[in-house]
Amino acid sequence: MSTVPEPRRPLPWWMKTLVIAAMLPLVLLPQLIAACPPSAPEMTFLRFYPVYVLAAGICAWLSYGRRPEVTWIILALLILTHAAMWLLVNPL
């Protein structure tokens, strides 16, 4: 087992675009808050939602250099979280 670190790959433009696009549904947060009653327990999740989206975007951006598969997993979880937040506030 080698102790020499792997070289980091540069983040390609298409991955930068994909990470930013995966974070864009956050701009609809005011609509989510407007659809949720203020005293509802769902409001707690809505308060942590922007922090999670920013943290996931940063982690996806930084992890691509050494572990691109982790980036894909984080982006998939981020997209599923967007869907879950909309379903939480607007149930079918």
C-alpha atoms as a PDB file:
ATOM      1  CA  MET A   1       0.000   0.000   0.000  1.00  0.00           C
ATOM      2  CA  SER A   2       1.463   3.283  -1.108  1.00  0.00           C
ATOM      3  CA  THR A   3       1.393   6.430   0.993  1.00  0.00           C
ATOM      4  CA  VAL A   4       1.755   8.643  -2.066  1.00  0.00           C
ATOM      5  CA  PRO A   5      -1.534  10.510  -2.575  1.00  0.00           C
ATOM      6  CA  GLU A   6      -3.361  10.180  -5.864  1.00  0.00           C
ATOM      7  CA  PRO A   7      -3.162  13.230  -8.109  1.00  0.00           C
ATOM      8  CA  ARG A   8      -6.297  15.339  -8.103  1.00  0.00           C
ATOM      9  CA  ARG A   9      -8.291  15.627 -11.302  1.00  0.00           C
ATOM     10  CA  PRO A  10      -9.463  19.087 -12.281  1.00  0.00           C
ATOM     11  CA  LEU A  11     -13.207  19.634 -12.157  1.00  0.00           C
ATOM     12  CA  PRO A  12     -14.522  19.743 -15.752  1.00  0.00           C
ATOM     13  CA  TRP A  13     -16.912  22.484 -16.834  1.00  0.00           C
ATOM     14  CA  TRP A  14     -19.803  20.069 -17.306  1.00  0.00           C
ATOM     15  CA  MET A  15     -19.500  18.829 -13.719  1.00  0.00           C
ATOM     16  CA  LYS A  16     -19.413  22.410 -12.420  1.00  0.00           C
ATOM     17  CA  THR A  17     -22.592  23.072 -14.377  1.00  0.00           C
ATOM     18  CA  LEU A  18     -24.201  19.886 -13.069  1.00  0.00           C
ATOM     19  CA  VAL A  19     -23.401  20.652  -9.424  1.00  0.00           C
ATOM     20  CA  ILE A  20     -24.763  24.187  -9.741  1.00  0.00           C
ATOM     21  CA  ALA A  21     -27.874  22.934 -11.555  1.00  0.00           C
ATOM     22  CA  ALA A  22     -28.476  20.362  -8.808  1.00  0.00           C
ATOM     23  CA  MET A  23     -28.379  23.168  -6.236  1.00  0.00           C
ATOM     24  CA  LEU A  24     -30.701  25.521  -8.154  1.00  0.00           C
ATOM     25  CA  PRO A  25     -34.030  24.243  -6.742  1.00  0.00           C
ATOM     26  CA  LEU A  26     -32.990  25.983  -3.538  1.00  0.00           C
ATOM     27  CA  VAL A  27     -34.147  29.279  -5.080  1.00  0.00           C
ATOM     28  CA  LEU A  28     -37.725  28.004  -4.704  1.00  0.00           C
ATOM     29  CA  LEU A  29     -37.381  27.913  -0.919  1.00  0.00           C
ATOM     30  CA  PRO A  30     -39.718  30.910  -0.430  1.00  0.00           C
ATOM     31  CA  GLN A  31     -42.472  28.972  -2.191  1.00  0.00           C
ATOM     32  CA  LEU A  32     -41.876  25.987   0.067  1.00  0.00           C
ATOM     33  CA  ILE A  33     -42.026  28.171   3.167  1.00  0.00           C
ATOM     34  CA  ALA A  34     -45.206  29.869   1.927  1.00  0.00           C
ATOM     35  CA  ALA A  35     -46.878  26.473   1.379  1.00  0.00           C
ATOM     36  CA  CYS A  36     -45.954  25.223   4.860  1.00  0.00           C
ATOM     37  CA  PRO A  37     -47.924  26.314   7.935  1.00  0.00           C
ATOM     38  CA  PRO A  38     -45.626  28.184  10.370  1.00  0.00           C
ATOM     39  CA  SER A  39     -46.280  25.925  13.331  1.00  0.00           C
ATOM     40  CA  ALA A  40     -45.954  22.669  11.385  1.00  0.00           C
ATOM     41  CA  PRO A  41     -43.138  20.242  12.295  1.00  0.00           C
ATOM     42  CA  GLU A  42     -42.090  20.324   8.640  1.00  0.00           C
ATOM     43  CA  MET A  43     -40.795  23.851   9.222  1.00  0.00           C
ATOM     44  CA  THR A  44     -37.842  22.393  11.132  1.00  0.00           C
ATOM     45  CA  PHE A  45     -36.769  20.488   8.029  1.00  0.00           C
ATOM     46  CA  LEU A  46     -37.218  23.599   5.905  1.00  0.00           C
ATOM     47  CA  ARG A  47     -34.851  25.523   8.171  1.00  0.00           C
ATOM     48  CA  PHE A  48     -32.063  22.964   7.684  1.00  0.00           C
ATOM     49  CA  TYR A  49     -32.745  22.471   3.975  1.00  0.00           C
ATOM     50  CA  PRO A  50     -30.596  25.394   2.682  1.00  0.00           C
ATOM     51  CA  VAL A  51     -27.679  24.381   4.903  1.00  0.00           C
ATOM     52  CA  TYR A  52     -27.861  20.818   3.591  1.00  0.00           C
ATOM     53  CA  VAL A  53     -28.044  21.915  -0.050  1.00  0.00           C
ATOM     54  CA  LEU A  54     -25.009  24.179   0.300  1.00  0.00           C
ATOM     55  CA  ALA A  55     -23.027  21.538   2.198  1.00  0.00           C
ATOM     56  CA  ALA A  56     -23.899  18.833  -0.335  1.00  0.00           C
ATOM     57  CA  GLY A  57     -22.946  21.093  -3.245  1.00  0.00           C
ATOM     58  CA  ILE A  58     -19.599  21.954  -1.694  1.00  0.00           C
ATOM     59  CA  CYS A  59     -18.879  18.317  -0.837  1.00  0.00           C
ATOM     60  CA  ALA A  60     -19.785  17.196  -4.360  1.00  0.00           C
ATOM     61  CA  TRP A  61     -17.543  19.904  -5.832  1.00  0.00           C
ATOM     62  CA  LEU A  62     -14.571  19.033  -3.630  1.00  0.00           C
ATOM     63  CA  SER A  63     -14.849  15.250  -3.829  1.00  0.00           C
ATOM     64  CA  TYR A  64     -14.690  15.039  -7.629  1.00  0.00           C
ATOM     65  CA  GLY A  65     -10.922  15.413  -7.705  1.00  0.00           C
ATOM     66  CA  ARG A  66     -10.195  12.082  -6.008  1.00  0.00           C
ATOM     67  CA  ARG A  67     -13.515  10.246  -5.820  1.00  0.00           C
ATOM     68  CA  PRO A  68     -15.849  11.084  -8.733  1.00  0.00           C
ATOM     69  CA  GLU A  69     -18.233   8.279  -7.782  1.00  0.00           C
ATOM     70  CA  VAL A  70     -18.828   9.971  -4.419  1.00  0.00           C
ATOM     71  CA  THR A  71     -19.762  13.131  -6.311  1.00  0.00           C
ATOM     72  CA  TRP A  72     -22.415  11.230  -8.254  1.00  0.00           C
ATOM     73  CA  ILE A  73     -23.805   9.702  -5.055  1.00  0.00           C
ATOM     74  CA  ILE A  74     -23.992  13.110  -3.349  1.00  0.00           C
ATOM     75  CA  LEU A  75     -25.738  14.637  -6.369  1.00  0.00           C
ATOM     76  CA  ALA A  76     -28.263  11.780  -6.470  1.00  0.00           C
ATOM     77  CA  LEU A  77     -29.009  12.251  -2.764  1.00  0.00           C
ATOM     78  CA  LEU A  78     -29.318  15.999  -3.283  1.00  0.00           C
ATOM     79  CA  ILE A  79     -31.879  15.566  -6.063  1.00  0.00           C
ATOM     80  CA  LEU A  80     -33.829  13.058  -3.961  1.00  0.00           C
ATOM     81  CA  THR A  81     -33.795  15.542  -1.083  1.00  0.00           C
ATOM     82  CA  HIS A  82     -35.294  18.246  -3.298  1.00  0.00           C
ATOM     83  CA  ALA A  83     -38.105  15.874  -4.257  1.00  0.00           C
ATOM     84  CA  ALA A  84     -38.628  14.836  -0.633  1.00  0.00           C
ATOM     85  CA  MET A  85     -38.924  18.434   0.551  1.00  0.00           C
ATOM     86  CA  TRP A  86     -41.576  19.206  -2.058  1.00  0.00           C
ATOM     87  CA  LEU A  87     -43.496  16.068  -1.122  1.00  0.00           C
ATOM     88  CA  LEU A  88     -43.190  16.917   2.560  1.00  0.00           C
ATOM     89  CA  VAL A  89     -44.818  20.310   2.099  1.00  0.00           C
ATOM     90  CA  ASN A  90     -47.232  19.339  -0.717  1.00  0.00           C
ATOM     91  CA  PRO A  91     -48.281  15.720  -0.116  1.00  0.00           C
ATOM     92  CA  LEU A  92     -49.995  13.888  -2.961  1.00  0.00           C
END
